[in-house]
N, C-alpha and C. Protein backbone atom coordinates (compact mmCIF):
# COMPACT_ATOMS: atom_id res chain seq x y z
N MET A 1 0.72 -1.03 -0.25
CA MET A 1 0.09 -0.02 -0.31
C MET A 1 0.81 1.12 -0.19
N ALA A 2 2.18 1.32 0.87
CA ALA A 2 2.89 2.54 1.02
C ALA A 2 3.87 2.55 -0.17
N ARG A 3 3.69 1.84 -1.04
CA ARG A 3 4.16 2.15 -2.68
C ARG A 3 3.21 2.41 -3.58
N ARG A 4 1.96 2.18 -3.31
CA ARG A 4 0.76 2.98 -4.62
C ARG A 4 0.73 4.14 -3.85
N THR A 5 0.80 4.44 -2.71
CA THR A 5 0.78 6.03 -2.33
C THR A 5 1.93 6.64 -2.65
N ALA A 6 3.53 6.09 -2.60
CA ALA A 6 3.85 6.97 -3.16
C ALA A 6 4.24 7.19 -4.74
N THR A 7 3.49 6.00 -5.34
CA THR A 7 3.39 6.13 -6.76
C THR A 7 2.27 7.56 -7.30
N SER A 8 1.31 7.22 -6.22
CA SER A 8 0.35 8.18 -6.44
C SER A 8 0.52 9.98 -6.28
N SER A 9 2.00 9.91 -5.10
CA SER A 9 1.86 11.43 -4.88
C SER A 9 2.78 11.68 -5.70
N ALA A 10 4.19 10.82 -6.53
CA ALA A 10 4.92 11.00 -7.53
C ALA A 10 3.81 11.52 -8.69
N LEU A 11 2.77 10.89 -8.90
CA LEU A 11 2.26 11.14 -10.49
C LEU A 11 1.85 12.72 -10.21
N GLY A 12 0.90 13.01 -8.60
CA GLY A 12 0.32 13.87 -8.74
C GLY A 12 1.56 15.41 -8.85
N ILE A 13 2.72 15.34 -8.36
CA ILE A 13 3.70 16.33 -8.29
C ILE A 13 4.00 16.41 -9.53
N TRP A 14 4.40 15.32 -10.67
CA TRP A 14 4.62 15.46 -12.09
C TRP A 14 3.37 15.88 -12.71
N CYS A 15 2.16 16.12 -12.52
CA CYS A 15 1.28 16.39 -13.22
C CYS A 15 1.13 18.19 -12.62
N SER A 16 1.35 18.11 -11.67
CA SER A 16 1.34 19.77 -10.92
C SER A 16 2.64 20.37 -11.61
N THR A 17 3.52 19.77 -12.21
CA THR A 17 4.58 20.72 -12.55
C THR A 17 4.71 20.92 -13.95
N LEU A 18 3.56 20.06 -14.60
CA LEU A 18 3.50 20.73 -16.30
C LEU A 18 2.64 21.90 -16.36
N TRP A 19 2.24 22.31 -15.63
CA TRP A 19 1.49 23.60 -15.20
C TRP A 19 2.50 24.56 -14.65
N ILE A 20 2.79 25.60 -15.01
CA ILE A 20 3.54 26.61 -14.27
C ILE A 20 3.01 27.84 -13.76
N GLU A 21 2.89 28.10 -12.65
CA GLU A 21 2.56 29.58 -12.33
C GLU A 21 3.18 30.51 -13.25
N VAL A 22 2.41 31.70 -13.76
CA VAL A 22 3.10 32.79 -14.38
C VAL A 22 2.42 33.98 -13.52
N PRO A 23 2.99 35.08 -14.09
CA PRO A 23 1.89 36.50 -13.54
C PRO A 23 1.01 36.38 -14.44
N PRO A 24 -0.29 37.24 -13.61
CA PRO A 24 -1.41 37.52 -14.73
C PRO A 24 -1.26 37.90 -15.90
N SER A 25 -1.81 37.97 -16.99
CA SER A 25 -1.88 39.02 -18.10
C SER A 25 -2.54 38.92 -18.81
N PHE A 26 -3.96 38.34 -18.60
CA PHE A 26 -5.23 38.08 -19.10
C PHE A 26 -6.09 39.60 -18.64
N PRO A 27 -6.80 40.09 -19.61
CA PRO A 27 -7.14 41.44 -19.66
C PRO A 27 -8.29 42.04 -18.42
N GLU A 28 -7.68 43.17 -17.61
CA GLU A 28 -8.30 42.69 -15.94
C GLU A 28 -10.03 43.28 -16.56
N GLU A 29 -10.31 43.48 -17.50
CA GLU A 29 -11.68 44.05 -18.04
C GLU A 29 -12.44 42.98 -17.92
N LEU A 30 -11.77 41.58 -17.81
CA LEU A 30 -12.70 40.28 -17.80
C LEU A 30 -13.00 39.89 -16.37
N ARG A 31 -12.18 40.33 -15.76
CA ARG A 31 -12.52 40.37 -14.10
C ARG A 31 -13.71 39.84 -13.75
N PRO A 32 -14.66 41.15 -13.80
CA PRO A 32 -15.92 41.18 -13.62
C PRO A 32 -16.99 40.02 -14.32
N ALA A 33 -16.52 39.74 -15.40
CA ALA A 33 -17.11 38.68 -16.04
C ALA A 33 -16.80 37.02 -15.13
N LEU A 34 -15.57 36.88 -15.04
CA LEU A 34 -15.21 35.69 -14.87
C LEU A 34 -16.01 35.85 -13.26
N GLU A 35 -15.84 36.88 -12.43
CA GLU A 35 -16.00 36.61 -11.08
C GLU A 35 -17.67 36.37 -11.08
N THR A 36 -18.58 36.82 -11.69
CA THR A 36 -19.50 36.86 -11.77
C THR A 36 -20.08 35.11 -12.01
N GLN A 37 -19.08 34.75 -12.81
CA GLN A 37 -19.62 33.25 -13.55
C GLN A 37 -19.32 32.16 -11.98
N VAL A 38 -18.48 33.15 -11.54
CA VAL A 38 -17.60 32.06 -10.26
C VAL A 38 -18.56 32.25 -9.14
N TRP A 39 -19.11 33.03 -8.55
CA TRP A 39 -20.28 33.32 -7.85
C TRP A 39 -22.01 32.68 -8.20
N GLN A 40 -22.22 32.68 -9.54
CA GLN A 40 -23.21 32.43 -9.94
C GLN A 40 -23.25 30.78 -10.09
N SER A 41 -22.05 30.19 -10.03
CA SER A 41 -22.38 28.74 -10.23
C SER A 41 -22.09 27.89 -8.56
N MET A 42 -21.49 28.56 -7.85
CA MET A 42 -21.17 28.12 -6.53
C MET A 42 -22.17 27.31 -5.87
N PRO A 43 -22.08 26.30 -5.57
CA PRO A 43 -20.75 25.69 -5.09
C PRO A 43 -20.19 24.46 -6.16
N LEU A 44 -20.70 24.59 -7.19
CA LEU A 44 -20.16 24.02 -8.67
C LEU A 44 -19.41 24.69 -9.02
N GLU A 45 -18.19 23.78 -9.75
CA GLU A 45 -17.39 24.31 -10.78
C GLU A 45 -17.70 25.21 -11.99
N CYS A 46 -17.21 26.41 -12.56
CA CYS A 46 -17.92 26.96 -13.94
C CYS A 46 -16.29 26.62 -14.69
N ALA A 47 -16.98 26.71 -16.10
CA ALA A 47 -15.62 26.69 -17.04
C ALA A 47 -16.10 27.37 -18.20
N GLY A 48 -15.03 27.96 -18.99
CA GLY A 48 -15.20 28.45 -20.24
C GLY A 48 -13.70 29.05 -20.97
N LEU A 49 -13.65 29.84 -21.97
CA LEU A 49 -12.70 30.21 -22.57
C LEU A 49 -12.77 31.74 -22.73
N LEU A 50 -11.31 32.14 -22.85
CA LEU A 50 -11.04 33.42 -23.01
C LEU A 50 -10.58 33.69 -24.23
N VAL A 51 -11.16 34.08 -25.50
CA VAL A 51 -11.19 34.10 -26.64
C VAL A 51 -11.17 35.54 -27.44
N ILE A 52 -10.30 35.26 -28.56
CA ILE A 52 -9.69 36.76 -29.07
C ILE A 52 -10.20 36.66 -30.47
N HIS A 53 -10.76 37.79 -30.50
CA HIS A 53 -11.26 38.05 -32.20
C HIS A 53 -11.44 39.59 -32.16
N GLY A 54 -10.52 39.94 -33.72
CA GLY A 54 -11.00 41.10 -34.24
C GLY A 54 -10.56 42.23 -32.80
N GLY A 55 -9.54 41.80 -32.28
CA GLY A 55 -8.52 42.93 -31.20
C GLY A 55 -10.03 42.89 -29.61
N ARG A 56 -10.85 42.47 -30.12
CA ARG A 56 -11.45 42.07 -28.73
C ARG A 56 -11.54 40.54 -28.14
N THR A 57 -11.04 40.77 -26.50
CA THR A 57 -11.02 39.57 -25.81
C THR A 57 -12.25 39.36 -25.08
N TRP A 58 -12.81 37.84 -25.06
CA TRP A 58 -14.15 38.35 -24.16
C TRP A 58 -13.85 36.43 -23.77
N ALA A 59 -15.01 36.41 -22.24
CA ALA A 59 -15.06 35.11 -21.67
C ALA A 59 -15.86 34.67 -22.41
N MET A 60 -16.17 33.40 -22.51
CA MET A 60 -17.33 32.51 -23.12
C MET A 60 -17.42 31.27 -22.34
N ALA A 61 -18.51 31.21 -21.51
CA ALA A 61 -18.77 30.22 -20.78
C ALA A 61 -18.63 28.92 -21.57
N LEU A 62 -18.58 27.95 -20.94
CA LEU A 62 -19.27 26.63 -21.69
C LEU A 62 -20.01 25.94 -21.18
N PRO A 63 -20.63 25.10 -21.58
CA PRO A 63 -21.62 24.41 -20.78
C PRO A 63 -20.93 23.16 -20.66
N THR A 64 -21.57 23.21 -19.28
CA THR A 64 -20.77 22.16 -18.35
C THR A 64 -22.00 20.86 -17.49
N THR A 65 -21.35 20.02 -17.11
CA THR A 65 -21.94 19.11 -15.87
C THR A 65 -20.94 19.47 -15.13
N ALA A 66 -21.08 19.62 -14.14
CA ALA A 66 -20.31 20.10 -12.97
C ALA A 66 -21.00 19.52 -11.06
N SER A 67 -19.33 19.50 -10.73
CA SER A 67 -20.19 19.12 -9.50
C SER A 67 -18.54 20.42 -8.75
N ALA A 68 -18.58 19.57 -7.37
CA ALA A 68 -17.72 20.96 -6.56
C ALA A 68 -16.19 20.77 -7.42
N MET A 69 -15.90 19.49 -7.41
CA MET A 69 -14.70 18.68 -7.45
C MET A 69 -14.49 18.63 -9.21
N GLY A 70 -15.12 18.85 -10.07
CA GLY A 70 -14.53 18.84 -11.66
C GLY A 70 -15.69 19.60 -12.16
N PHE A 71 -15.63 19.20 -13.24
CA PHE A 71 -16.56 19.52 -14.90
C PHE A 71 -16.33 18.58 -15.84
N ALA A 72 -17.57 18.57 -16.66
CA ALA A 72 -17.24 18.01 -17.82
C ALA A 72 -17.75 18.58 -19.04
N VAL A 73 -17.44 18.40 -20.15
CA VAL A 73 -18.23 19.21 -21.43
C VAL A 73 -18.36 17.93 -21.96
N HIS A 74 -19.80 17.71 -22.42
CA HIS A 74 -19.93 16.94 -23.79
C HIS A 74 -18.72 16.90 -24.55
N PRO A 75 -18.43 15.56 -25.22
CA PRO A 75 -17.04 15.78 -26.13
C PRO A 75 -18.12 16.21 -27.36
N ARG A 76 -19.05 16.09 -27.65
CA ARG A 76 -20.14 16.83 -29.01
C ARG A 76 -20.02 18.05 -29.23
N LEU A 77 -20.31 18.70 -27.58
CA LEU A 77 -20.42 20.09 -27.36
C LEU A 77 -18.79 20.75 -27.55
N TRP A 78 -17.94 20.21 -27.28
CA TRP A 78 -16.55 20.51 -27.56
C TRP A 78 -16.35 20.68 -28.87
N VAL A 79 -16.56 19.72 -29.92
CA VAL A 79 -15.82 19.69 -30.83
C VAL A 79 -16.84 20.52 -31.87
N GLU A 80 -18.26 20.91 -31.67
CA GLU A 80 -18.98 22.13 -32.22
C GLU A 80 -18.54 23.10 -31.85
N THR A 81 -18.28 23.69 -30.72
CA THR A 81 -17.51 24.87 -29.88
C THR A 81 -16.07 25.09 -30.52
N LEU A 82 -15.36 24.09 -30.78
CA LEU A 82 -13.95 24.44 -31.09
C LEU A 82 -14.09 24.66 -32.88
N THR A 83 -14.86 23.88 -33.27
CA THR A 83 -15.37 24.20 -35.05
C THR A 83 -15.48 25.65 -35.39
N ILE A 84 -16.55 26.00 -34.64
CA ILE A 84 -17.22 27.24 -34.76
C ILE A 84 -16.24 28.07 -34.62
N LEU A 85 -15.42 28.02 -33.43
CA LEU A 85 -14.26 29.20 -33.08
C LEU A 85 -13.02 29.43 -34.57
N GLU A 86 -13.03 27.89 -34.77
CA GLU A 86 -12.32 28.00 -36.20
C GLU A 86 -12.79 28.66 -36.88
N HIS A 87 -13.65 28.18 -37.28
CA HIS A 87 -14.59 28.85 -38.63
C HIS A 87 -14.72 30.22 -38.73
N ARG A 88 -14.32 30.51 -37.92
CA ARG A 88 -14.81 32.40 -37.58
C ARG A 88 -13.45 32.97 -37.13
N GLY A 89 -12.72 32.10 -37.17
CA GLY A 89 -11.11 32.88 -36.92
C GLY A 89 -11.23 33.54 -35.59
N ILE A 90 -11.79 32.78 -34.23
CA ILE A 90 -11.57 33.52 -33.08
C ILE A 90 -10.74 32.54 -32.34
N GLU A 91 -9.37 33.15 -31.89
CA GLU A 91 -8.42 32.42 -31.09
C GLU A 91 -8.74 32.07 -29.81
N ILE A 92 -8.23 30.95 -29.16
CA ILE A 92 -8.39 30.35 -27.69
C ILE A 92 -7.19 30.97 -27.14
N TRP A 93 -7.31 31.87 -26.46
CA TRP A 93 -6.12 32.49 -25.36
C TRP A 93 -6.08 31.96 -24.51
N ALA A 94 -7.09 31.40 -23.41
CA ALA A 94 -7.05 30.38 -22.46
C ALA A 94 -7.94 29.70 -22.12
N THR A 95 -7.81 28.16 -21.35
CA THR A 95 -8.77 28.17 -20.48
C THR A 95 -9.07 28.55 -19.10
N TYR A 96 -10.14 28.69 -18.72
CA TYR A 96 -10.49 28.95 -17.59
C TYR A 96 -11.62 28.01 -16.62
N HIS A 97 -11.12 27.97 -15.41
CA HIS A 97 -12.25 27.06 -14.43
C HIS A 97 -12.39 27.44 -13.02
N SER A 98 -12.79 27.11 -12.50
CA SER A 98 -13.50 27.54 -10.85
C SER A 98 -13.00 26.36 -9.88
N HIS A 99 -12.35 26.49 -8.81
CA HIS A 99 -11.87 25.66 -7.75
C HIS A 99 -12.90 26.53 -6.60
N PRO A 100 -14.17 25.73 -6.64
CA PRO A 100 -15.06 26.41 -5.20
C PRO A 100 -14.47 26.31 -4.04
N GLY A 101 -13.23 24.92 -3.79
CA GLY A 101 -12.85 24.97 -2.54
C GLY A 101 -11.88 25.95 -2.12
N GLY A 102 -11.24 26.86 -3.05
CA GLY A 102 -10.08 27.74 -3.10
C GLY A 102 -8.67 27.38 -2.99
N ARG A 103 -8.56 25.89 -3.68
CA ARG A 103 -7.42 26.25 -4.20
C ARG A 103 -6.65 26.51 -5.56
N LEU A 104 -5.65 27.20 -5.54
CA LEU A 104 -5.30 28.03 -6.28
C LEU A 104 -3.91 27.26 -7.35
N ARG A 105 -4.17 25.80 -7.11
CA ARG A 105 -3.24 25.26 -7.69
C ARG A 105 -3.68 24.07 -8.80
N PRO A 106 -3.16 23.71 -10.14
CA PRO A 106 -3.88 22.76 -10.96
C PRO A 106 -4.21 21.48 -10.58
N SER A 107 -4.80 20.62 -10.68
CA SER A 107 -5.01 19.46 -10.21
C SER A 107 -4.89 18.36 -11.26
N ARG A 108 -5.10 17.01 -11.13
CA ARG A 108 -4.35 16.09 -11.98
C ARG A 108 -5.44 16.40 -13.14
N ARG A 109 -6.98 16.79 -12.81
CA ARG A 109 -8.11 16.72 -13.82
C ARG A 109 -7.59 17.59 -14.90
N ASP A 110 -6.73 18.64 -14.24
CA ASP A 110 -6.56 19.67 -14.77
C ASP A 110 -5.43 19.63 -16.02
N HIS A 111 -5.19 18.60 -16.54
CA HIS A 111 -3.86 18.02 -16.85
C HIS A 111 -4.30 18.15 -18.40
N ALA A 112 -5.62 17.18 -18.67
CA ALA A 112 -6.31 17.45 -20.08
C ALA A 112 -6.54 18.48 -20.42
N LEU A 113 -6.44 19.75 -19.65
CA LEU A 113 -6.92 21.54 -20.54
C LEU A 113 -5.81 21.58 -21.49
N HIS A 114 -4.73 21.15 -21.62
CA HIS A 114 -3.54 21.60 -22.31
C HIS A 114 -4.05 21.28 -23.75
N TRP A 115 -4.93 20.63 -24.21
CA TRP A 115 -5.13 20.36 -25.39
C TRP A 115 -5.81 21.38 -26.20
N THR A 116 -6.41 22.32 -25.24
CA THR A 116 -7.26 23.33 -25.77
C THR A 116 -6.81 24.90 -25.96
N SER A 117 -5.63 24.88 -24.65
CA SER A 117 -5.01 26.12 -24.90
C SER A 117 -3.76 26.00 -24.10
N LYS A 118 -2.62 26.69 -23.78
CA LYS A 118 -1.20 26.52 -23.54
C LYS A 118 -1.34 27.43 -22.02
N ARG A 119 -2.74 27.97 -22.28
CA ARG A 119 -3.00 28.68 -20.89
C ARG A 119 -4.08 28.61 -20.00
N LEU A 120 -3.98 28.57 -18.31
CA LEU A 120 -5.00 28.08 -17.65
C LEU A 120 -4.89 29.02 -16.45
N LEU A 121 -6.52 29.34 -16.43
CA LEU A 121 -6.87 30.51 -15.68
C LEU A 121 -7.51 29.93 -14.55
N LEU A 122 -7.28 29.99 -12.92
CA LEU A 122 -7.74 29.28 -12.04
C LEU A 122 -8.73 30.14 -11.01
N LEU A 123 -9.73 29.84 -10.53
CA LEU A 123 -10.51 31.34 -10.26
C LEU A 123 -11.26 30.75 -9.20
N ALA A 124 -10.60 31.07 -7.91
CA ALA A 124 -11.47 30.43 -6.18
C ALA A 124 -11.75 31.45 -5.37
N PRO A 125 -13.30 31.22 -4.98
CA PRO A 125 -13.41 32.22 -4.19
C PRO A 125 -12.51 32.63 -2.67
N SER A 126 -12.13 33.93 -2.79
CA SER A 126 -11.33 34.22 -1.42
C SER A 126 -12.28 35.09 -0.78
N GLY A 127 -12.85 34.95 0.43
CA GLY A 127 -13.61 36.06 1.27
C GLY A 127 -14.73 36.81 0.26
N PRO A 128 -14.64 37.83 -0.22
CA PRO A 128 -15.72 38.68 -0.64
C PRO A 128 -14.87 38.82 -2.05
N HIS A 129 -13.67 38.29 -2.79
CA HIS A 129 -13.41 38.49 -3.90
C HIS A 129 -12.91 36.64 -4.59
N VAL A 130 -12.39 36.77 -5.74
CA VAL A 130 -12.41 35.76 -6.60
C VAL A 130 -10.61 36.05 -6.72
N ALA A 131 -9.85 35.38 -6.19
CA ALA A 131 -8.14 35.25 -6.75
C ALA A 131 -8.56 34.17 -8.07
N ILE A 132 -7.10 34.75 -8.67
CA ILE A 132 -7.11 34.40 -10.12
C ILE A 132 -5.75 34.16 -10.34
N ALA A 133 -5.33 32.75 -10.74
CA ALA A 133 -4.35 32.57 -10.99
C ALA A 133 -4.15 31.85 -12.05
N GLN A 134 -2.72 32.46 -12.73
CA GLN A 134 -2.50 32.08 -14.16
C GLN A 134 -1.46 30.81 -14.67
N TYR A 135 -1.79 29.62 -14.90
CA TYR A 135 -0.54 29.07 -15.39
C TYR A 135 -0.34 28.85 -17.12
N GLU A 136 0.61 28.43 -17.39
CA GLU A 136 0.96 27.95 -18.70
C GLU A 136 1.76 26.28 -18.72
N TRP A 137 1.40 25.67 -19.99
CA TRP A 137 1.84 24.24 -19.99
C TRP A 137 3.29 24.17 -20.38
N THR A 138 4.23 23.58 -19.45
CA THR A 138 5.63 23.60 -19.54
C THR A 138 6.27 22.03 -20.25
N ALA A 139 5.09 21.12 -20.35
CA ALA A 139 5.70 20.19 -20.98
C ALA A 139 6.41 19.77 -21.95
N SER A 140 7.51 19.48 -22.17
CA SER A 140 8.37 19.11 -23.36
C SER A 140 8.20 17.86 -23.94
N SER A 141 7.19 17.29 -23.27
CA SER A 141 6.80 15.59 -24.39
C SER A 141 5.69 16.55 -25.17
N ASP A 142 5.26 17.39 -25.43
CA ASP A 142 3.72 17.83 -26.07
C ASP A 142 4.56 18.28 -27.43
N ASN A 143 4.12 17.95 -28.31
CA ASN A 143 4.35 18.05 -29.91
C ASN A 143 3.81 19.26 -30.49
N ARG A 144 3.17 20.09 -29.93
CA ARG A 144 1.79 20.77 -30.42
C ARG A 144 2.80 22.29 -30.43
N SER A 145 3.19 23.20 -31.18
CA SER A 145 3.57 24.54 -31.44
C SER A 145 2.96 25.21 -30.52
């Protein structure tokens, strides 16, 4: 059992090091929209994309099935959303989601989000405010440019 625990711990450390925290560089004018989505979704996670088109950046909420510990987007909806964005020339700047428990570090589940964007914003309630941490994907084994 101790060996399994050590392996699980090592996997957790490895996954968390694939994302590195960087200074926030998202447009501050999006903060109110992100905070509103966090508070409206509580106690469940919320999720979305920060997208850019024609010099404008906006927060786009994703339709999710959520709990307090995770969220899922139906694969068909992911494909439809990504196809529409691509056809309209809309760039995904970052993926975001909340951690209602207040943790501002990526979880193992967050590992899979790098295929959508190399940037991840984590949102967590902190008293009357929402704290936001920004991460970038650093895995050298990733072949995407």
